[in-house]
Structure formats: C-alpha cells, structure tokens
Amino acid sequence: MTTTTIDWYRITIEKETLRQLTARRDLRGWIQSGSFLLIWVVLTALAVYFFLQRWWLLMVAACYVHALFVNMISMAAAVHELSHGTPFKSKAPNEFFLYLFCFLTWNNPIHYRASHILTHHQYTVYKGLDKENIQGPVKEKLNWVNVLSWLTFDWEWFTRFIRTNVRHALGNGDVDFFFREEWDPLFRGNDPRRRAMITWARIVVIGYLLLIAAFLVLNVWVAIFLVFSTFFARILANVTGVTQHIGLGSDIPDWRMVCHTVKLKPVLRFLYWNMNYHTEHHMYAAVPFFNLPKLRMVMEKDLPEAHSSLFACIRKLYEIRKVQEKDPAYVWSPTFPPGAAPPRLTVPTGL
C-alpha cells in the first residue's frame, strides 16, 4: 500500500457545526437499514409466492424489481455508507447490516472497506493510486452496450465478482474486485485482513452453494435467480454511479473538481443514501448520509452549482462525450460561484 499524502482542499467548517454534522444516531441507522432489509424480504417473498402460484408475469416483474433494489443494497449505496461506519452510533448494528448486505450482494466487507477508504477516498481519481475509479473517456462507461447490460444482465460484473470470490475462497488473496492485475494486492504478506478477506469469501461461496442445493431440493428455482439478482437490472445502481466522477479531471487535489453533486427526488435519494451529495461526502466522509443535505447548505457558497437532476447530469455527460470525440484530452471544469475559493489544481510534489 502506498503512503503518499495528498494535500486536499477542504472547506473550513466551524468546530461546533462540524460536531453536530458528524453526530451519529442509532435510530436513523435502524430506520434506513431496517427499511432496506424489510423491502428486500418483501420483494423476495413476493417473487417466491408468485412462483408457487405460477403467476409467471408477476413473478418476472417481482424478480426485476428485486434486482433493481438489491443493487442499491450493495456498494452502490447501503454497503458503501455502512463501510464508513457512519449510519449508527453503535458499532454492533452497523457491522451486522454491513456483513448481511455484503452477503446478499456477493461483496466482501473487509476488502471493500479498506479499498474504499484507503485508496478511493485518500486518492480520489489519482492515476495509479485510486484502485476503484480510473478516469477515462465518458464513452468507456456511458455507452449503449453498457446500458443494455445494465438493463438486463451485467456479464462483466458477474464474472468479476464470481471470479474474485471463488479465487479468494481458494486462498488467492492477490486478485482484486476492481482491477485484474495481481502484482499490486490490497493486502500483502501476513496482513491479518488478508486472511479475514479469504475467510469471508469462503463463507459466501459455501453459503450460496448450500442455499442453491436447498432450493434445488425444494424445487424453488426462482430462489436461485434471487441468489444472483445482484448481477441483473443494475441500471439504477450504475447510472447513479456514473454521475459520481466521470467526465471530470484526475490528479487534482480538490474534490470540487473531481466529483459531481446532483439534486435528486426524495425516493431516489432514499435508495441512494444521499450519495448524490458526492462532493460533500468526499470532503467530509465522517458526516452520516442523513446530514449530507445540511452539509451542502453549510458549504454551498464555496461549491459549484449542483446538477439540477439526474437527467441533467446525464445530459451533461453526453455533452462532455461529444467534445471528447473531437478532443480526447477534454474534461469538464465546474463553474464556481462568485467569492468561492479558486480550485486547487497543483499536484503535490513527489507524485
């Protein structure tokens, strides 16, 4: 792991205000996480019920909605926020929901927490340092081939997660969920997290094999689909995901220049755990999801204007793509309000 330190620009917030914004609340954590679990249970039960009743069209519809929702349980939203440990004041319920939601979506909490916090947050879209997000042309992520797979079956996501989980379960801790090379593993040598990561992968692989066997014996084959539903209908998770960083620059020590903030309607904000406030989240990652709108208000005078909607952000990305087709080096630079601090564009010495 690299030990490079980046001098990020961070908007100053009064100490007392920051203390209030970073306060965690068990009740809010239970409401958000508990409601997600309840929705998952209801959608699962509906799919199985429709299968048993042989109401095939309703079963297919329930399976599709199940897949749409379960992908927001994953690192796209729920697992992501829980990995920061901010939804709950108490550690136990936070870890319970983190591990449960990781199991339901083939995620590895040990790997993701370390990768996300130690590489993506510290080195956001820095080439060779951020292991999760590598900036490239908009068309590499936002194209019709990808959109079609997001609406149906995401083969690339399926092979990446199944392959990595199986290889971890077999004892190979060098492979990674986010990149193919094995020469730069997240955990090296005798790092205890490496063993914990492998142990969790074995729990996931063995657990799902047992579940699939049980569903075959019981002849409830729709439940086998539900085991893999996180690889279907990823459109909601992926469309919100592409509005986080793409189309912007890289190697810039100012989160205002490398993150999009998007205004969303309440239902989508609920499903996305307020991660549409992405600049704000990166600047103050210790602020729980439910306080991000307040954080936005506190810092707004020093932030670029937020995209007015998800559609407006996607439209902007397509505009960037058109320019990049003529000028591959082009990236979009947000406009700052009068009086805002100028963007910090200098790359620290030594990078």
Protein backbone atom coordinates (compact mmCIF):
# COMPACT_ATOMS: atom_id res chain seq x y z
CA MET A 1 0.00 0.00 0.00
CA THR A 2 1.22 3.47 -0.87
CA THR A 3 1.85 6.06 1.86
CA THR A 4 1.56 9.13 -0.39
CA THR A 5 -0.24 12.06 1.24
CA ILE A 6 -2.31 14.47 -0.85
CA ASP A 7 -2.97 17.99 0.40
CA TRP A 8 -6.67 18.14 -0.47
CA TYR A 9 -8.57 21.42 -0.44
CA ARG A 10 -11.21 21.24 2.27
CA ILE A 11 -13.82 23.91 3.02
CA THR A 12 -13.44 25.12 6.59
CA ILE A 13 -16.41 24.48 8.88
CA GLU A 14 -16.83 25.81 12.41
CA LYS A 15 -15.90 23.23 15.02
CA GLU A 16 -19.32 23.11 16.72
CA THR A 17 -21.16 22.91 13.41
CA LEU A 18 -18.93 20.04 12.30
CA ARG A 19 -19.50 18.27 15.62
CA GLN A 20 -23.26 18.44 15.08
CA LEU A 21 -23.00 17.30 11.46
CA THR A 22 -20.85 14.28 12.30
CA ALA A 23 -23.12 13.12 15.15
CA ARG A 24 -24.36 9.58 14.52
CA ARG A 25 -27.82 8.34 15.50
CA ASP A 26 -28.80 4.73 16.03
CA LEU A 27 -32.47 5.46 15.29
CA ARG A 28 -31.69 6.89 11.85
CA GLY A 29 -29.43 3.94 11.13
CA TRP A 30 -32.12 1.45 12.14
CA ILE A 31 -34.80 3.23 10.10
CA GLN A 32 -32.68 3.30 6.93
CA SER A 33 -31.06 -0.13 7.22
CA GLY A 34 -34.14 -1.81 8.67
CA SER A 35 -36.36 -0.47 5.91
CA PHE A 36 -33.90 -1.75 3.30
CA LEU A 37 -33.96 -5.21 4.87
CA LEU A 38 -37.76 -5.15 5.08
CA ILE A 39 -38.09 -4.19 1.41
CA TRP A 40 -35.68 -6.99 0.46
CA VAL A 41 -37.71 -9.53 2.47
CA VAL A 42 -40.99 -8.38 0.93
CA LEU A 43 -39.66 -8.47 -2.64
CA THR A 44 -38.10 -11.89 -2.06
CA ALA A 45 -41.33 -13.23 -0.58
CA LEU A 46 -43.38 -11.83 -3.47
CA ALA A 47 -41.14 -13.46 -6.09
CA VAL A 48 -41.36 -16.83 -4.34
CA TYR A 49 -45.11 -16.50 -3.77
CA PHE A 50 -45.79 -15.66 -7.42
CA PHE A 51 -43.62 -18.63 -8.42
CA LEU A 52 -45.54 -21.02 -6.19
CA GLN A 53 -48.83 -19.66 -7.58
CA ARG A 54 -47.45 -19.95 -11.14
CA TRP A 55 -48.24 -16.33 -11.85
CA TRP A 56 -45.32 -16.05 -14.23
CA LEU A 57 -45.67 -12.45 -15.39
CA LEU A 58 -45.98 -11.20 -11.82
CA MET A 59 -43.03 -13.38 -10.83
CA VAL A 60 -40.84 -11.89 -13.59
CA ALA A 61 -41.87 -8.37 -12.59
CA ALA A 62 -41.11 -9.07 -8.92
CA CYS A 63 -37.72 -10.56 -9.83
CA TYR A 64 -36.83 -7.49 -11.90
CA VAL A 65 -37.82 -5.06 -9.13
CA HIS A 66 -35.92 -7.26 -6.67
CA ALA A 67 -32.79 -6.95 -8.80
CA LEU A 68 -33.19 -3.18 -9.17
CA PHE A 69 -33.46 -2.83 -5.40
CA VAL A 70 -30.83 -5.34 -4.30
CA ASN A 71 -28.21 -3.43 -6.27
CA MET A 72 -28.82 -0.42 -4.04
CA ILE A 73 -28.15 -2.67 -1.04
CA SER A 74 -24.66 -3.25 -2.45
CA MET A 75 -21.64 -0.95 -2.64
CA ALA A 76 -23.72 1.38 -4.79
CA ALA A 77 -25.37 2.72 -1.65
CA ALA A 78 -26.00 0.72 1.56
CA VAL A 79 -22.75 -1.25 1.78
CA HIS A 80 -20.86 1.88 0.85
CA GLU A 81 -22.25 4.00 3.67
CA LEU A 82 -22.08 1.18 6.22
CA SER A 83 -18.42 0.62 5.33
CA HIS A 84 -17.76 4.15 6.60
CA GLY A 85 -19.35 3.22 9.92
CA THR A 86 -21.44 6.41 9.98
CA PRO A 87 -25.14 5.40 9.91
CA PHE A 88 -25.18 4.10 13.52
CA LYS A 89 -23.74 5.47 16.73
CA SER A 90 -23.28 1.88 17.95
CA LYS A 91 -20.81 -0.38 16.18
CA ALA A 92 -22.71 -3.67 16.50
CA PRO A 93 -25.78 -2.85 14.33
CA ASN A 94 -23.58 -1.12 11.77
CA GLU A 95 -21.41 -4.23 11.38
CA PHE A 96 -24.44 -6.53 11.38
CA PHE A 97 -26.06 -4.76 8.44
CA LEU A 98 -22.73 -4.29 6.65
CA TYR A 99 -21.95 -8.02 6.72
CA LEU A 100 -25.54 -9.04 5.98
CA PHE A 101 -25.86 -6.72 2.98
CA CYS A 102 -22.41 -7.79 1.74
CA PHE A 103 -23.50 -11.42 1.85
CA LEU A 104 -26.71 -10.67 -0.04
CA THR A 105 -24.74 -8.94 -2.82
CA TRP A 106 -21.55 -11.05 -3.07
CA ASN A 107 -19.47 -8.22 -1.59
CA ASN A 108 -16.52 -8.59 0.76
CA PRO A 109 -16.72 -6.11 3.69
CA ILE A 110 -13.05 -6.49 4.64
CA HIS A 111 -11.79 -5.81 1.14
CA TYR A 112 -14.29 -3.08 0.27
CA ARG A 113 -13.86 -1.08 3.45
CA ALA A 114 -10.08 -0.99 3.10
CA SER A 115 -10.09 -0.38 -0.64
CA HIS A 116 -12.71 2.34 -0.49
CA ILE A 117 -11.35 4.32 2.43
CA LEU A 118 -7.61 3.78 1.91
CA THR A 119 -7.48 4.24 -1.86
CA HIS A 120 -10.62 5.88 -3.24
CA HIS A 121 -11.11 8.49 -0.52
CA GLN A 122 -7.46 9.29 0.06
CA TYR A 123 -6.53 9.34 -3.64
CA THR A 124 -9.79 10.11 -5.43
CA VAL A 125 -9.27 9.51 -9.18
CA TYR A 126 -5.49 9.81 -8.88
CA LYS A 127 -3.92 7.61 -11.53
CA GLY A 128 -2.24 4.54 -10.09
CA LEU A 129 -3.43 5.32 -6.55
CA ASP A 130 -7.24 5.15 -6.64
CA LYS A 131 -7.93 1.43 -7.13
CA GLU A 132 -11.69 1.82 -7.57
CA ASN A 133 -12.14 4.67 -10.03
CA ILE A 134 -9.93 5.26 -13.04
CA GLN A 135 -10.92 8.28 -15.10
CA GLY A 136 -11.26 7.74 -18.82
CA PRO A 137 -13.42 8.97 -21.71
CA VAL A 138 -17.11 9.18 -20.88
CA LYS A 139 -17.90 6.73 -23.68
CA GLU A 140 -15.97 3.95 -21.90
CA LYS A 141 -18.66 3.83 -19.23
CA LEU A 142 -21.68 5.56 -20.73
CA ASN A 143 -22.45 3.74 -23.98
CA TRP A 144 -25.31 1.69 -25.37
CA VAL A 145 -23.57 -1.65 -24.86
CA ASN A 146 -23.17 -0.93 -21.15
CA VAL A 147 -26.67 0.50 -20.79
CA LEU A 148 -28.15 -2.62 -22.41
CA SER A 149 -26.25 -4.87 -19.99
CA TRP A 150 -27.31 -2.67 -17.07
CA LEU A 151 -30.94 -3.11 -18.10
CA THR A 152 -30.57 -6.88 -18.40
CA PHE A 153 -27.62 -8.99 -17.25
CA ASP A 154 -24.28 -7.40 -16.39
CA TRP A 155 -21.90 -10.14 -17.52
CA GLU A 156 -18.78 -8.11 -16.71
CA TRP A 157 -19.94 -7.54 -13.11
CA PHE A 158 -20.95 -11.19 -12.76
CA THR A 159 -17.62 -12.60 -13.93
CA ARG A 160 -15.64 -10.10 -11.87
CA PHE A 161 -17.40 -10.87 -8.60
CA ILE A 162 -17.82 -14.61 -9.01
CA ARG A 163 -14.22 -14.98 -10.19
CA THR A 164 -12.79 -12.89 -7.35
CA ASN A 165 -14.88 -14.55 -4.64
CA VAL A 166 -14.00 -18.05 -5.85
CA ARG A 167 -10.29 -17.27 -6.13
CA HIS A 168 -10.29 -15.67 -2.69
CA ALA A 169 -12.08 -18.73 -1.33
CA LEU A 170 -9.36 -20.91 -2.85
CA GLY A 171 -6.73 -18.89 -0.97
CA ASN A 172 -5.55 -16.43 -3.63
CA GLY A 173 -5.62 -13.08 -1.86
CA ASP A 174 -3.85 -11.21 -4.66
CA VAL A 175 -6.82 -10.90 -7.01
CA ASP A 176 -8.96 -7.80 -6.70
CA PHE A 177 -12.56 -6.79 -7.34
CA PHE A 178 -11.64 -3.57 -9.09
CA PHE A 179 -8.68 -4.41 -11.34
CA ARG A 180 -7.28 -7.53 -12.96
CA GLU A 181 -3.58 -7.19 -12.15
CA GLU A 182 -2.29 -9.31 -9.29
CA TRP A 183 1.05 -7.58 -8.86
CA ASP A 184 -0.36 -4.94 -6.50
CA PRO A 185 -2.64 -6.71 -3.99
CA LEU A 186 -4.59 -4.68 -1.46
CA PHE A 187 -3.34 -6.82 1.44
CA ARG A 188 0.19 -8.19 1.39
CA GLY A 189 2.03 -10.96 3.21
CA ASN A 190 0.85 -11.62 6.75
CA ASP A 191 -1.68 -8.77 6.93
CA PRO A 192 -4.49 -10.23 9.09
CA ARG A 193 -7.07 -8.56 6.86
CA ARG A 194 -5.93 -10.79 4.01
CA ARG A 195 -6.87 -13.91 5.97
CA ALA A 196 -10.16 -12.33 7.07
CA MET A 197 -10.95 -11.45 3.44
CA ILE A 198 -10.32 -15.05 2.36
CA THR A 199 -12.38 -16.45 5.23
CA TRP A 200 -15.33 -14.25 4.32
CA ALA A 201 -15.12 -15.34 0.67
CA ARG A 202 -15.31 -18.96 1.81
CA ILE A 203 -18.39 -18.17 3.88
CA VAL A 204 -20.05 -16.55 0.86
CA VAL A 205 -19.17 -19.28 -1.66
CA ILE A 206 -20.02 -22.21 0.65
CA GLY A 207 -23.12 -20.45 1.95
CA TYR A 208 -24.51 -19.86 -1.53
CA LEU A 209 -23.69 -23.40 -2.69
CA LEU A 210 -25.69 -24.74 0.25
CA LEU A 211 -28.57 -22.38 -0.48
CA ILE A 212 -28.65 -23.34 -4.16
CA ALA A 213 -28.64 -27.03 -3.22
CA ALA A 214 -31.54 -26.45 -0.84
CA PHE A 215 -33.53 -24.55 -3.46
CA LEU A 216 -32.98 -27.36 -5.98
CA VAL A 217 -34.15 -29.97 -3.50
CA LEU A 218 -37.21 -27.87 -2.66
CA ASN A 219 -37.79 -27.18 -6.38
CA VAL A 220 -37.97 -23.42 -5.79
CA TRP A 221 -35.84 -22.45 -8.75
CA VAL A 222 -36.85 -18.80 -8.67
CA ALA A 223 -34.87 -18.52 -5.43
CA ILE A 224 -31.75 -19.49 -7.38
CA PHE A 225 -32.30 -16.40 -9.54
CA LEU A 226 -32.65 -14.31 -6.39
CA VAL A 227 -29.22 -15.57 -5.26
CA PHE A 228 -27.74 -13.94 -8.35
CA SER A 229 -30.13 -11.00 -8.73
CA THR A 230 -27.39 -8.50 -7.89
CA PHE A 231 -25.99 -9.17 -11.39
CA PHE A 232 -29.26 -8.28 -13.15
CA ALA A 233 -31.01 -4.93 -13.72
CA ARG A 234 -28.09 -2.87 -12.45
CA ILE A 235 -29.33 0.23 -14.27
CA LEU A 236 -30.25 2.26 -11.17
CA ALA A 237 -27.01 1.48 -9.33
CA ASN A 238 -24.82 2.08 -12.38
CA VAL A 239 -26.49 5.25 -13.62
CA THR A 240 -26.17 6.86 -10.20
CA GLY A 241 -22.61 5.53 -10.05
CA VAL A 242 -21.51 7.14 -13.31
CA THR A 243 -22.68 10.51 -12.04
CA GLN A 244 -20.07 10.49 -9.28
CA HIS A 245 -16.80 11.24 -11.09
CA ILE A 246 -16.73 10.64 -14.84
CA GLY A 247 -16.21 13.48 -17.30
CA LEU A 248 -14.10 15.35 -14.75
CA GLY A 249 -10.34 15.65 -14.35
CA SER A 250 -7.91 13.47 -12.43
CA ASP A 251 -4.81 14.08 -10.31
CA ILE A 252 -6.41 17.25 -8.90
CA PRO A 253 -6.26 17.79 -5.11
CA ASP A 254 -9.71 19.42 -4.95
CA TRP A 255 -12.82 17.27 -4.61
CA ARG A 256 -14.92 20.09 -6.03
CA MET A 257 -13.19 19.47 -9.36
CA VAL A 258 -13.46 15.67 -9.45
CA CYS A 259 -16.93 14.94 -8.02
CA HIS A 260 -20.45 15.66 -9.25
CA THR A 261 -23.24 16.71 -6.91
CA VAL A 262 -26.73 16.04 -8.24
CA LYS A 263 -30.15 17.07 -6.96
CA LEU A 264 -32.46 14.05 -6.71
CA LYS A 265 -36.07 13.44 -5.75
CA PRO A 266 -36.73 12.02 -2.23
CA VAL A 267 -37.34 8.39 -3.27
CA LEU A 268 -34.12 8.13 -5.26
CA ARG A 269 -32.19 9.94 -2.51
CA PHE A 270 -33.52 7.34 -0.04
CA LEU A 271 -32.42 4.45 -2.27
CA TYR A 272 -29.06 6.11 -2.91
CA TRP A 273 -28.44 7.01 0.75
CA ASN A 274 -27.91 10.67 -0.22
CA MET A 275 -24.73 9.83 -2.14
CA ASN A 276 -25.85 12.31 -4.79
CA TYR A 277 -24.14 14.80 -2.45
CA HIS A 278 -20.90 13.31 -3.61
CA THR A 279 -18.55 16.28 -3.40
CA GLU A 280 -19.74 16.89 0.14
CA HIS A 281 -19.32 13.23 1.07
CA HIS A 282 -15.74 13.14 -0.15
CA MET A 283 -14.82 16.36 1.59
CA TYR A 284 -16.26 15.24 4.94
CA ALA A 285 -16.66 11.46 4.82
CA ALA A 286 -17.37 11.28 8.56
CA VAL A 287 -20.71 13.07 8.09
CA PRO A 288 -23.56 10.49 8.10
CA PHE A 289 -25.70 10.19 4.98
CA PHE A 290 -28.71 11.81 6.67
CA ASN A 291 -26.75 15.03 7.36
CA LEU A 292 -25.31 15.48 3.87
CA PRO A 293 -28.09 17.90 2.77
CA LYS A 294 -27.25 20.07 5.80
CA LEU A 295 -23.54 19.83 5.00
CA ARG A 296 -24.32 21.04 1.48
CA MET A 297 -26.09 24.10 2.88
CA VAL A 298 -23.15 24.94 5.15
CA MET A 299 -20.60 24.74 2.32
CA GLU A 300 -22.73 25.88 -0.61
CA LYS A 301 -21.09 29.29 -1.10
CA ASP A 302 -17.78 27.57 -1.86
CA LEU A 303 -19.16 24.77 -4.06
CA PRO A 304 -20.01 24.59 -7.76
CA GLU A 305 -23.72 24.58 -8.58
CA ALA A 306 -25.25 21.12 -8.31
CA HIS A 307 -26.75 19.43 -11.36
CA SER A 308 -30.48 20.11 -11.25
CA SER A 309 -31.49 16.46 -11.72
CA LEU A 310 -30.16 13.02 -12.63
CA PHE A 311 -31.29 13.59 -16.21
CA ALA A 312 -29.48 16.95 -16.33
CA CYS A 313 -26.26 15.30 -15.14
CA ILE A 314 -26.54 12.51 -17.72
CA ARG A 315 -27.18 15.12 -20.40
CA LYS A 316 -24.05 16.99 -19.31
CA LEU A 317 -22.04 13.75 -19.51
CA TYR A 318 -23.21 13.22 -23.10
CA GLU A 319 -22.21 16.80 -23.89
CA ILE A 320 -18.75 16.06 -22.48
CA ARG A 321 -18.60 12.87 -24.53
CA LYS A 322 -19.32 14.77 -27.75
CA VAL A 323 -16.47 17.20 -27.05
CA GLN A 324 -14.13 14.32 -26.14
CA GLU A 325 -14.81 12.67 -29.50
CA LYS A 326 -13.08 15.67 -31.10
CA ASP A 327 -10.66 16.41 -28.25
CA PRO A 328 -9.81 13.24 -26.26
CA ALA A 329 -7.95 15.30 -23.63
CA TYR A 330 -11.01 17.38 -22.75
CA VAL A 331 -12.51 17.20 -19.24
CA TRP A 332 -15.25 19.35 -17.81
CA SER A 333 -14.39 22.01 -15.22
CA PRO A 334 -17.26 23.08 -12.94
CA THR A 335 -18.07 26.78 -12.57
CA PHE A 336 -17.67 28.27 -9.10
CA PRO A 337 -19.90 30.99 -7.60
CA PRO A 338 -18.52 34.50 -7.02
CA GLY A 339 -16.43 34.66 -3.87
CA ALA A 340 -15.65 30.94 -3.80
CA ALA A 341 -12.08 29.85 -3.23
CA PRO A 342 -10.36 29.13 -6.55
CA PRO A 343 -9.84 25.44 -7.32
CA ARG A 344 -6.64 23.85 -6.09
CA LEU A 345 -5.09 22.43 -9.24
CA THR A 346 -1.49 21.87 -8.17
CA VAL A 347 -0.32 18.29 -7.96
CA PRO A 348 1.68 17.83 -4.73
CA THR A 349 5.42 17.40 -5.15
CA GLY A 350 6.53 13.80 -5.31
CA LEU A 351 3.52 12.41 -7.19
